[in-house]
PDB file of N, CA and C in Angstrom:
ATOM      1  N   MET A   1       0.758  -1.139  -0.038  1.00  0.00           N
ATOM      2  CA  MET A   1      -0.150  -0.187   0.071  1.00  0.00           C
ATOM      3  C   MET A   1       0.769   1.408  -0.061  1.00  0.00           C
ATOM      4  N   LEU A   2       1.899   1.406   0.778  1.00  0.00           N
ATOM      5  CA  LEU A   2       2.799   2.195   0.894  1.00  0.00           C
ATOM      6  C   LEU A   2       3.658   2.583  -0.577  1.00  0.00           C
ATOM      7  N   ARG A   3       3.775   1.489  -1.217  1.00  0.00           N
ATOM      8  CA  ARG A   3       4.493   1.605  -2.518  1.00  0.00           C
ATOM      9  C   ARG A   3       3.359   2.311  -3.542  1.00  0.00           C
ATOM     10  N   ILE A   4       2.372   2.007  -3.338  1.00  0.00           N
ATOM     11  CA  ILE A   4       1.235   2.434  -4.448  1.00  0.00           C
ATOM     12  C   ILE A   4       1.013   3.914  -4.012  1.00  0.00           C
ATOM     13  N   ALA A   5       0.947   4.263  -2.688  1.00  0.00           N
ATOM     14  CA  ALA A   5       0.988   5.563  -2.522  1.00  0.00           C
ATOM     15  C   ALA A   5       2.074   6.385  -2.603  1.00  0.00           C
ATOM     16  N   ALA A   6       3.414   5.990  -2.656  1.00  0.00           N
ATOM     17  CA  ALA A   6       4.514   6.584  -2.958  1.00  0.00           C
ATOM     18  C   ALA A   6       4.998   6.897  -4.422  1.00  0.00           C
ATOM     19  N   PHE A   7       4.232   5.818  -5.323  1.00  0.00           N
ATOM     20  CA  PHE A   7       4.095   5.824  -6.762  1.00  0.00           C
ATOM     21  C   PHE A   7       3.322   6.860  -7.154  1.00  0.00           C
ATOM     22  N   SER A   8       1.912   6.997  -6.498  1.00  0.00           N
ATOM     23  CA  SER A   8       1.053   7.790  -7.154  1.00  0.00           C
ATOM     24  C   SER A   8       1.274   9.216  -6.562  1.00  0.00           C
ATOM     25  N   MET A   9       2.072   9.513  -5.537  1.00  0.00           N
ATOM     26  CA  MET A   9       2.614  10.688  -5.285  1.00  0.00           C
ATOM     27  C   MET A   9       3.489  11.235  -6.323  1.00  0.00           C
ATOM     28  N   GLY A  10       4.235  10.456  -6.619  1.00  0.00           N
ATOM     29  CA  GLY A  10       5.603  10.679  -7.727  1.00  0.00           C
ATOM     30  C   GLY A  10       5.075  11.038  -9.145  1.00  0.00           C
ATOM     31  N   LEU A  11       3.886  10.025  -9.348  1.00  0.00           N
ATOM     32  CA  LEU A  11       3.409  10.499 -10.615  1.00  0.00           C
ATOM     33  C   LEU A  11       2.324  11.664 -10.767  1.00  0.00           C
ATOM     34  N   ALA A  12       1.826  12.236  -9.675  1.00  0.00           N
ATOM     35  CA  ALA A  12       1.244  13.164  -9.541  1.00  0.00           C
ATOM     36  C   ALA A  12       2.038  14.415  -9.428  1.00  0.00           C
ATOM     37  N   LEU A  13       3.252  14.365  -8.851  1.00  0.00           N
ATOM     38  CA  LEU A  13       4.104  15.418  -8.861  1.00  0.00           C
ATOM     39  C   LEU A  13       4.854  15.619 -10.269  1.00  0.00           C
ATOM     40  N   SER A  14       5.038  14.457 -10.872  1.00  0.00           N
ATOM     41  CA  SER A  14       5.812  14.569 -12.097  1.00  0.00           C
ATOM     42  C   SER A  14       4.879  15.235 -13.195  1.00  0.00           C
ATOM     43  N   THR A  15       3.711  14.830 -13.012  1.00  0.00           N
ATOM     44  CA  THR A  15       2.498  15.373 -13.880  1.00  0.00           C
ATOM     45  C   THR A  15       2.328  16.877 -13.653  1.00  0.00           C
ATOM     46  N   ALA A  16       2.310  17.209 -12.481  1.00  0.00           N
ATOM     47  CA  ALA A  16       2.066  18.772 -12.109  1.00  0.00           C
ATOM     48  C   ALA A  16       3.441  19.544 -12.387  1.00  0.00           C
ATOM     49  N   LEU A  17       4.621  18.914 -12.410  1.00  0.00           N
ATOM     50  CA  LEU A  17       5.728  19.699 -12.768  1.00  0.00           C
ATOM     51  C   LEU A  17       5.756  19.775 -14.387  1.00  0.00           C
ATOM     52  N   ALA A  18       5.473  18.586 -14.966  1.00  0.00           N
ATOM     53  CA  ALA A  18       5.340  18.819 -16.568  1.00  0.00           C
ATOM     54  C   ALA A  18       4.511  20.079 -16.850  1.00  0.00           C
ATOM     55  N   VAL A  19       3.029  20.135 -16.191  1.00  0.00           N
ATOM     56  CA  VAL A  19       2.240  20.934 -16.771  1.00  0.00           C
ATOM     57  C   VAL A  19       2.667  22.401 -16.370  1.00  0.00           C
ATOM     58  N   ALA A  20       3.304  22.544 -15.134  1.00  0.00           N
ATOM     59  CA  ALA A  20       3.818  24.108 -14.907  1.00  0.00           C
ATOM     60  C   ALA A  20       5.059  24.485 -15.571  1.00  0.00           C
ATOM     61  N   ALA A  21       5.829  23.420 -15.951  1.00  0.00           N
ATOM     62  CA  ALA A  21       7.113  23.845 -17.064  1.00  0.00           C
ATOM     63  C   ALA A  21       6.265  24.177 -18.245  1.00  0.00           C
ATOM     64  N   ALA A  22       5.355  23.795 -18.929  1.00  0.00           N
ATOM     65  CA  ALA A  22       4.871  24.361 -20.141  1.00  0.00           C
ATOM     66  C   ALA A  22       4.233  25.607 -19.905  1.00  0.00           C
ATOM     67  N   ASN A  23       3.866  25.942 -18.625  1.00  0.00           N
ATOM     68  CA  ASN A  23       3.060  27.315 -18.518  1.00  0.00           C
ATOM     69  C   ASN A  23       4.102  28.307 -18.022  1.00  0.00           C
ATOM     70  N   ASP A  24       4.792  27.874 -16.939  1.00  0.00           N
ATOM     71  CA  ASP A  24       5.484  28.930 -16.079  1.00  0.00           C
ATOM     72  C   ASP A  24       6.583  28.068 -15.282  1.00  0.00           C
ATOM     73  N   PRO A  25       7.664  27.720 -16.046  1.00  0.00           N
ATOM     74  CA  PRO A  25       8.703  26.876 -15.268  1.00  0.00           C
ATOM     75  C   PRO A  25       9.385  27.626 -14.138  1.00  0.00           C
ATOM     76  N   ALA A  26       9.590  27.059 -13.019  1.00  0.00           N
ATOM     77  CA  ALA A  26      10.396  27.501 -11.842  1.00  0.00           C
ATOM     78  C   ALA A  26      11.765  27.459 -12.264  1.00  0.00           C
ATOM     79  N   PRO A  27      12.515  28.197 -11.567  1.00  0.00           N
ATOM     80  CA  PRO A  27      13.994  27.997 -11.712  1.00  0.00           C
ATOM     81  C   PRO A  27      14.597  26.825 -11.744  1.00  0.00           C
ATOM     82  N   GLY A  28      15.488  26.363 -12.603  1.00  0.00           N
ATOM     83  CA  GLY A  28      15.997  24.953 -12.488  1.00  0.00           C
ATOM     84  C   GLY A  28      16.977  24.690 -11.061  1.00  0.00           C
ATOM     85  N   GLY A  29      17.198  23.913 -10.657  1.00  0.00           N
ATOM     86  CA  GLY A  29      18.323  23.527  -9.600  1.00  0.00           C
ATOM     87  C   GLY A  29      17.852  22.333  -8.722  1.00  0.00           C
ATOM     88  N   ALA A  30      18.461  22.351  -7.772  1.00  0.00           N
ATOM     89  CA  ALA A  30      18.013  21.206  -6.602  1.00  0.00           C
ATOM     90  C   ALA A  30      17.122  21.763  -5.703  1.00  0.00           C
ATOM     91  N   TYR A  31      15.943  21.076  -5.281  1.00  0.00           N
ATOM     92  CA  TYR A  31      15.173  21.580  -4.229  1.00  0.00           C
ATOM     93  C   TYR A  31      14.755  20.425  -3.124  1.00  0.00           C
ATOM     94  N   LYS A  32      14.876  20.529  -1.945  1.00  0.00           N
ATOM     95  CA  LYS A  32      14.331  19.626  -1.038  1.00  0.00           C
ATOM     96  C   LYS A  32      13.324  20.061   0.079  1.00  0.00           C
ATOM     97  N   THR A  33      12.690  19.175   0.648  1.00  0.00           N
ATOM     98  CA  THR A  33      11.677  19.466   1.650  1.00  0.00           C
ATOM     99  C   THR A  33      12.333  19.986   2.821  1.00  0.00           C
ATOM    100  N   ASP A  34      11.448  20.892   3.512  1.00  0.00           N
ATOM    101  CA  ASP A  34      11.893  21.179   4.930  1.00  0.00           C
ATOM    102  C   ASP A  34      11.144  20.345   5.869  1.00  0.00           C
ATOM    103  N   PRO A  35      12.127  19.871   6.508  1.00  0.00           N
ATOM    104  CA  PRO A  35      11.613  18.849   7.654  1.00  0.00           C
ATOM    105  C   PRO A  35      10.643  19.239   8.479  1.00  0.00           C
ATOM    106  N   SER A  36      10.662  20.381   8.989  1.00  0.00           N
ATOM    107  CA  SER A  36       9.625  20.920  10.120  1.00  0.00           C
ATOM    108  C   SER A  36       8.441  21.370   9.424  1.00  0.00           C
ATOM    109  N   HIS A  37       8.406  21.334   7.949  1.00  0.00           N
ATOM    110  CA  HIS A  37       7.039  21.755   7.362  1.00  0.00           C
ATOM    111  C   HIS A  37       6.631  20.330   6.261  1.00  0.00           C
ATOM    112  N   SER A  38       7.249  19.435   6.497  1.00  0.00           N
ATOM    113  CA  SER A  38       6.823  18.033   5.665  1.00  0.00           C
ATOM    114  C   SER A  38       6.156  16.958   6.326  1.00  0.00           C
ATOM    115  N   SER A  39       5.160  16.165   5.846  1.00  0.00           N
ATOM    116  CA  SER A  39       4.997  14.919   6.198  1.00  0.00           C
ATOM    117  C   SER A  39       3.990  14.377   5.097  1.00  0.00           C
ATOM    118  N   PHE A  40       3.899  13.077   5.116  1.00  0.00           N
ATOM    119  CA  PHE A  40       3.337  12.415   4.123  1.00  0.00           C
ATOM    120  C   PHE A  40       1.793  11.772   4.613  1.00  0.00           C
ATOM    121  N   ASN A  41       0.884  12.341   4.264  1.00  0.00           N
ATOM    122  CA  ASN A  41      -0.577  11.691   4.851  1.00  0.00           C
ATOM    123  C   ASN A  41      -1.138  10.622   4.030  1.00  0.00           C
ATOM    124  N   TRP A  42      -1.986   9.855   4.686  1.00  0.00           N
ATOM    125  CA  TRP A  42      -2.525   8.688   4.083  1.00  0.00           C
ATOM    126  C   TRP A  42      -3.834   8.513   4.813  1.00  0.00           C
ATOM    127  N   SER A  43      -4.560   8.005   4.000  1.00  0.00           N
ATOM    128  CA  SER A  43      -5.841   7.542   4.791  1.00  0.00           C
ATOM    129  C   SER A  43      -6.419   6.306   3.893  1.00  0.00           C
ATOM    130  N   PHE A  44      -7.433   5.572   4.439  1.00  0.00           N
ATOM    131  CA  PHE A  44      -8.103   4.299   3.985  1.00  0.00           C
ATOM    132  C   PHE A  44      -9.760   4.346   4.698  1.00  0.00           C
ATOM    133  N   ASN A  45     -10.584   3.707   3.875  1.00  0.00           N
ATOM    134  CA  ASN A  45     -11.854   3.303   4.178  1.00  0.00           C
ATOM    135  C   ASN A  45     -11.853   2.508   5.522  1.00  0.00           C
ATOM    136  N   HIS A  46     -12.257   2.956   6.283  1.00  0.00           N
ATOM    137  CA  HIS A  46     -12.573   2.121   7.668  1.00  0.00           C
ATOM    138  C   HIS A  46     -13.985   1.565   7.847  1.00  0.00           C
ATOM    139  N   SER A  47     -13.918   0.241   7.162  1.00  0.00           N
ATOM    140  CA  SER A  47     -15.369  -0.416   7.053  1.00  0.00           C
ATOM    141  C   SER A  47     -16.474   0.391   6.631  1.00  0.00           C
ATOM    142  N   GLY A  48     -16.294   1.126   5.608  1.00  0.00           N
ATOM    143  CA  GLY A  48     -17.581   1.807   5.116  1.00  0.00           C
ATOM    144  C   GLY A  48     -17.859   3.001   5.979  1.00  0.00           C
ATOM    145  N   LEU A  49     -17.404   2.961   7.252  1.00  0.00           N
ATOM    146  CA  LEU A  49     -17.983   4.047   8.351  1.00  0.00           C
ATOM    147  C   LEU A  49     -16.965   5.314   8.415  1.00  0.00           C
ATOM    148  N   SER A  50     -16.205   5.238   8.199  1.00  0.00           N
ATOM    149  CA  SER A  50     -15.244   6.414   8.296  1.00  0.00           C
ATOM    150  C   SER A  50     -13.794   6.397   7.347  1.00  0.00           C
ATOM    151  N   HIS A  51     -13.337   7.627   7.241  1.00  0.00           N
ATOM    152  CA  HIS A  51     -11.725   7.409   6.695  1.00  0.00           C
ATOM    153  C   HIS A  51     -10.848   7.697   7.750  1.00  0.00           C
ATOM    154  N   TYR A  52     -10.105   6.567   8.106  1.00  0.00           N
ATOM    155  CA  TYR A  52      -8.858   6.689   8.787  1.00  0.00           C
ATOM    156  C   TYR A  52      -7.692   7.307   8.253  1.00  0.00           C
ATOM    157  N   THR A  53      -7.249   8.274   8.931  1.00  0.00           N
ATOM    158  CA  THR A  53      -6.093   9.126   8.458  1.00  0.00           C
ATOM    159  C   THR A  53      -4.749   9.109   9.290  1.00  0.00           C
ATOM    160  N   ALA A  54      -3.513   8.918   8.819  1.00  0.00           N
ATOM    161  CA  ALA A  54      -2.413   9.302   9.643  1.00  0.00           C
ATOM    162  C   ALA A  54      -1.399   9.663   8.788  1.00  0.00           C
ATOM    163  N   ARG A  55      -0.301   9.737   9.505  1.00  0.00           N
ATOM    164  CA  ARG A  55       0.804  10.484   8.494  1.00  0.00           C
ATOM    165  C   ARG A  55       2.294  10.125   9.062  1.00  0.00           C
ATOM    166  N   PHE A  56       3.265  10.228   8.264  1.00  0.00           N
ATOM    167  CA  PHE A  56       4.560   9.909   8.434  1.00  0.00           C
ATOM    168  C   PHE A  56       5.094  11.346   8.743  1.00  0.00           C
ATOM    169  N   THR A  57       5.937  11.226   9.761  1.00  0.00           N
ATOM    170  CA  THR A  57       6.364  12.792   9.900  1.00  0.00           C
ATOM    171  C   THR A  57       7.860  12.814   9.501  1.00  0.00           C
ATOM    172  N   LYS A  58       8.578  12.029   9.260  1.00  0.00           N
ATOM    173  CA  LYS A  58      10.087  11.920   8.579  1.00  0.00           C
ATOM    174  C   LYS A  58      10.139  11.641   7.279  1.00  0.00           C
ATOM    175  N   VAL A  59       9.971  12.455   6.604  1.00  0.00           N
ATOM    176  CA  VAL A  59       9.943  12.574   5.049  1.00  0.00           C
ATOM    177  C   VAL A  59      11.185  13.442   4.332  1.00  0.00           C
ATOM    178  N   ASP A  60      11.927  12.910   3.628  1.00  0.00           N
ATOM    179  CA  ASP A  60      12.936  13.709   2.789  1.00  0.00           C
ATOM    180  C   ASP A  60      12.582  13.572   1.276  1.00  0.00           C
ATOM    181  N   ALA A  61      12.221  14.386   0.661  1.00  0.00           N
ATOM    182  CA  ALA A  61      12.185  14.463  -0.978  1.00  0.00           C
ATOM    183  C   ALA A  61      12.904  15.551  -1.479  1.00  0.00           C
ATOM    184  N   ARG A  62      13.488  15.047  -2.593  1.00  0.00           N
ATOM    185  CA  ARG A  62      14.715  15.936  -3.144  1.00  0.00           C
ATOM    186  C   ARG A  62      14.326  15.876  -4.790  1.00  0.00           C
ATOM    187  N   LEU A  63      14.458  17.036  -5.486  1.00  0.00           N
ATOM    188  CA  LEU A  63      14.012  17.229  -6.805  1.00  0.00           C
ATOM    189  C   LEU A  63      15.011  18.080  -7.422  1.00  0.00           C
ATOM    190  N   ASP A  64      15.708  17.200  -8.616  1.00  0.00           N
ATOM    191  CA  ASP A  64      16.666  18.075  -9.452  1.00  0.00           C
ATOM    192  C   ASP A  64      15.912  18.607 -10.498  1.00  0.00           C
ATOM    193  N   TRP A  65      15.539  19.831 -10.624  1.00  0.00           N
ATOM    194  CA  TRP A  65      14.505  20.181 -11.791  1.00  0.00           C
ATOM    195  C   TRP A  65      15.409  20.818 -12.982  1.00  0.00           C
ATOM    196  N   LYS A  66      14.890  20.186 -13.800  1.00  0.00           N
ATOM    197  CA  LYS A  66      15.519  20.784 -15.264  1.00  0.00           C
ATOM    198  C   LYS A  66      14.149  21.370 -16.190  1.00  0.00           C
ATOM    199  N   PRO A  67      13.824  22.769 -15.971  1.00  0.00           N
ATOM    200  CA  PRO A  67      12.824  23.112 -16.760  1.00  0.00           C
ATOM    201  C   PRO A  67      12.827  23.109 -18.449  1.00  0.00           C
ATOM    202  N   GLU A  68      13.946  23.264 -18.841  1.00  0.00           N
ATOM    203  CA  GLU A  68      14.249  23.079 -20.294  1.00  0.00           C
ATOM    204  C   GLU A  68      14.066  21.328 -20.791  1.00  0.00           C
ATOM    205  N   LYS A  69      14.215  20.821 -19.670  1.00  0.00           N
ATOM    206  CA  LYS A  69      13.888  19.367 -20.241  1.00  0.00           C
ATOM    207  C   LYS A  69      13.141  18.495 -18.930  1.00  0.00           C
ATOM    208  N   PRO A  70      11.882  18.768 -18.670  1.00  0.00           N
ATOM    209  CA  PRO A  70      11.286  18.298 -17.438  1.00  0.00           C
ATOM    210  C   PRO A  70      11.449  16.510 -17.345  1.00  0.00           C
ATOM    211  N   GLU A  71      11.377  16.108 -18.323  1.00  0.00           N
ATOM    212  CA  GLU A  71      11.479  14.389 -18.536  1.00  0.00           C
ATOM    213  C   GLU A  71      12.931  14.297 -17.866  1.00  0.00           C
ATOM    214  N   ALA A  72      14.013  14.936 -18.013  1.00  0.00           N
ATOM    215  CA  ALA A  72      15.151  14.625 -17.363  1.00  0.00           C
ATOM    216  C   ALA A  72      15.579  14.829 -16.005  1.00  0.00           C
ATOM    217  N   SER A  73      14.406  15.517 -15.434  1.00  0.00           N
ATOM    218  CA  SER A  73      14.338  15.659 -13.775  1.00  0.00           C
ATOM    219  C   SER A  73      14.228  14.466 -13.178  1.00  0.00           C
ATOM    220  N   THR A  74      14.853  14.597 -12.013  1.00  0.00           N
ATOM    221  CA  THR A  74      14.684  13.554 -11.163  1.00  0.00           C
ATOM    222  C   THR A  74      14.014  13.654  -9.690  1.00  0.00           C
ATOM    223  N   LEU A  75      13.353  12.944  -9.234  1.00  0.00           N
ATOM    224  CA  LEU A  75      12.783  12.960  -7.940  1.00  0.00           C
ATOM    225  C   LEU A  75      13.062  11.843  -7.187  1.00  0.00           C
ATOM    226  N   SER A  76      13.373  11.920  -5.730  1.00  0.00           N
ATOM    227  CA  SER A  76      13.624  10.738  -4.996  1.00  0.00           C
ATOM    228  C   SER A  76      12.862  11.288  -3.417  1.00  0.00           C
ATOM    229  N   VAL A  77      12.072  10.202  -3.226  1.00  0.00           N
ATOM    230  CA  VAL A  77      11.315  10.437  -1.807  1.00  0.00           C
ATOM    231  C   VAL A  77      11.850   9.252  -0.889  1.00  0.00           C
ATOM    232  N   ALA A  78      12.390   9.501   0.371  1.00  0.00           N
ATOM    233  CA  ALA A  78      12.380   8.682   1.348  1.00  0.00           C
ATOM    234  C   ALA A  78      11.460   9.079   2.696  1.00  0.00           C
ATOM    235  N   ILE A  79      10.692   7.775   3.110  1.00  0.00           N
ATOM    236  CA  ILE A  79       9.750   7.957   4.381  1.00  0.00           C
ATOM    237  C   ILE A  79      10.328   6.992   5.240  1.00  0.00           C
ATOM    238  N   ASP A  80      10.481   7.494   6.637  1.00  0.00           N
ATOM    239  CA  ASP A  80      11.028   6.630   7.511  1.00  0.00           C
ATOM    240  C   ASP A  80       9.684   6.052   8.054  1.00  0.00           C
ATOM    241  N   PRO A  81       9.361   4.671   8.298  1.00  0.00           N
ATOM    242  CA  PRO A  81       8.115   3.979   8.417  1.00  0.00           C
ATOM    243  C   PRO A  81       7.967   4.105  10.197  1.00  0.00           C
ATOM    244  N   LEU A  82       9.034   4.391  10.924  1.00  0.00           N
ATOM    245  CA  LEU A  82       8.939   4.572  12.206  1.00  0.00           C
ATOM    246  C   LEU A  82       8.414   5.675  12.609  1.00  0.00           C
ATOM    247  N   SER A  83       8.398   6.652  11.684  1.00  0.00           N
ATOM    248  CA  SER A  83       7.822   7.842  12.181  1.00  0.00           C
ATOM    249  C   SER A  83       6.174   8.214  11.985  1.00  0.00           C
ATOM    250  N   VAL A  84       5.438   6.904  12.029  1.00  0.00           N
ATOM    251  CA  VAL A  84       4.241   7.132  11.749  1.00  0.00           C
ATOM    252  C   VAL A  84       3.616   7.762  12.796  1.00  0.00           C
ATOM    253  N   ARG A  85       2.445   8.473  12.733  1.00  0.00           N
ATOM    254  CA  ARG A  85       1.529   9.163  13.828  1.00  0.00           C
ATOM    255  C   ARG A  85       0.236   8.982  13.456  1.00  0.00           C
ATOM    256  N   THR A  86      -0.526   8.478  14.246  1.00  0.00           N
ATOM    257  CA  THR A  86      -1.889   7.956  14.036  1.00  0.00           C
ATOM    258  C   THR A  86      -2.921   9.106  14.504  1.00  0.00           C
ATOM    259  N   ASP A  87      -2.283   9.807  15.564  1.00  0.00           N
ATOM    260  CA  ASP A  87      -3.038  10.522  16.388  1.00  0.00           C
ATOM    261  C   ASP A  87      -4.548   9.969  17.264  1.00  0.00           C
ATOM    262  N   TYR A  88      -4.332   8.551  17.505  1.00  0.00           N
ATOM    263  CA  TYR A  88      -5.320   7.884  17.984  1.00  0.00           C
ATOM    264  C   TYR A  88      -5.703   8.458  19.422  1.00  0.00           C
ATOM    265  N   PRO A  89      -7.118   8.736  19.707  1.00  0.00           N
ATOM    266  CA  PRO A  89      -7.346   9.499  20.856  1.00  0.00           C
ATOM    267  C   PRO A  89      -6.877   9.037  22.235  1.00  0.00           C
ATOM    268  N   TRP A  90      -6.834   7.763  22.371  1.00  0.00           N
ATOM    269  CA  TRP A  90      -6.667   6.986  23.573  1.00  0.00           C
ATOM    270  C   TRP A  90      -5.317   6.242  23.434  1.00  0.00           C
ATOM    271  N   PRO A  91      -4.248   6.820  23.462  1.00  0.00           N
ATOM    272  CA  PRO A  91      -2.989   6.004  23.381  1.00  0.00           C
ATOM    273  C   PRO A  91      -2.729   5.109  24.666  1.00  0.00           C
ATOM    274  N   GLU A  92      -3.280   5.577  25.576  1.00  0.00           N
ATOM    275  CA  GLU A  92      -3.098   4.591  26.969  1.00  0.00           C
ATOM    276  C   GLU A  92      -3.538   3.308  26.780  1.00  0.00           C
ATOM    277  N   LYS A  93      -4.690   3.354  25.881  1.00  0.00           N
ATOM    278  CA  LYS A  93      -5.428   2.051  25.684  1.00  0.00           C
ATOM    279  C   LYS A  93      -4.912   1.508  24.760  1.00  0.00           C
ATOM    280  N   VAL A  94      -4.664   1.695  23.354  1.00  0.00           N
ATOM    281  CA  VAL A  94      -3.833   1.260  22.388  1.00  0.00           C
ATOM    282  C   VAL A  94      -2.839   2.258  21.724  1.00  0.00           C
ATOM    283  N   ASP A  95      -1.454   1.942  21.657  1.00  0.00           N
ATOM    284  CA  ASP A  95      -0.663   2.858  21.359  1.00  0.00           C
ATOM    285  C   ASP A  95      -0.149   2.238  19.838  1.00  0.00           C
ATOM    286  N   PHE A  96      -1.057   2.694  18.908  1.00  0.00           N
ATOM    287  CA  PHE A  96      -0.880   2.124  17.480  1.00  0.00           C
ATOM    288  C   PHE A  96       0.447   2.629  16.982  1.00  0.00           C
ATOM    289  N   ASP A  97       1.078   3.758  17.436  1.00  0.00           N
ATOM    290  CA  ASP A  97       2.155   4.415  16.962  1.00  0.00           C
ATOM    291  C   ASP A  97       3.229   3.712  17.160  1.00  0.00           C
ATOM    292  N   SER A  98       3.325   2.731  18.119  1.00  0.00           N
ATOM    293  CA  SER A  98       4.424   1.921  18.568  1.00  0.00           C
ATOM    294  C   SER A  98       4.313   0.479  18.229  1.00  0.00           C
ATOM    295  N   GLU A  99       3.355  -0.011  17.509  1.00  0.00           N
ATOM    296  CA  GLU A  99       3.060  -1.415  17.227  1.00  0.00           C
ATOM    297  C   GLU A  99       3.737  -1.672  15.761  1.00  0.00           C
ATOM    298  N   ILE A 100       4.339  -0.972  15.238  1.00  0.00           N
ATOM    299  CA  ILE A 100       5.171  -1.148  14.067  1.00  0.00           C
ATOM    300  C   ILE A 100       5.849  -2.035  14.323  1.00  0.00           C
ATOM    301  N   GLY A 101       5.968  -3.223  13.415  1.00  0.00           N
ATOM    302  CA  GLY A 101       6.713  -4.198  13.520  1.00  0.00           C
ATOM    303  C   GLY A 101       6.467  -5.697  14.011  1.00  0.00           C
ATOM    304  N   GLY A 102       5.237  -5.605  13.879  1.00  0.00           N
ATOM    305  CA  GLY A 102       4.338  -7.089  14.185  1.00  0.00           C
ATOM    306  C   GLY A 102       4.522  -7.819  13.289  1.00  0.00           C
ATOM    307  N   ASP A 103       3.153  -8.776  12.996  1.00  0.00           N
ATOM    308  CA  ASP A 103       3.021  -9.517  12.169  1.00  0.00           C
ATOM    309  C   ASP A 103       2.750  -9.049  10.961  1.00  0.00           C
ATOM    310  N   GLU A 104       2.066  -7.825  10.821  1.00  0.00           N
ATOM    311  CA  GLU A 104       1.984  -7.005   9.523  1.00  0.00           C
ATOM    312  C   GLU A 104       2.974  -6.854   8.619  1.00  0.00           C
ATOM    313  N   THR A 105       2.729  -7.012   7.335  1.00  0.00           N
ATOM    314  CA  THR A 105       3.725  -6.578   6.276  1.00  0.00           C
ATOM    315  C   THR A 105       3.309  -5.107   5.775  1.00  0.00           C
ATOM    316  N   PHE A 106       3.869  -4.113   6.022  1.00  0.00           N
ATOM    317  CA  PHE A 106       3.568  -2.700   5.347  1.00  0.00           C
ATOM    318  C   PHE A 106       3.965  -2.495   4.061  1.00  0.00           C
ATOM    319  N   LEU A 107       5.152  -3.001   3.537  1.00  0.00           N
ATOM    320  CA  LEU A 107       5.611  -2.745   2.298  1.00  0.00           C
ATOM    321  C   LEU A 107       5.677  -4.128   1.265  1.00  0.00           C
TER     322      LEU A 107
END
């Protein structure tokens, strides 16, 4: 699921960059995320009753932007799976944030 989300994010970003380059290209060069202002949010349908949302707080994305040839630009994204934050309202009952690494397969 995380691979699909990362692929989707990369595809959406590359499409947006290609459209932006055609209209008003940003200056070429290296760009990276600001750690204090970056997170990767995800959600899924919870039994048809609600959408469960969580986030990874340690995300490092880097873009080498080439406005003259957008298809030659590169994007890399690294997400620390241990930085998950669920904001579960009763962590004293169930601490979902610390349960990574059980029997589940996340990637």
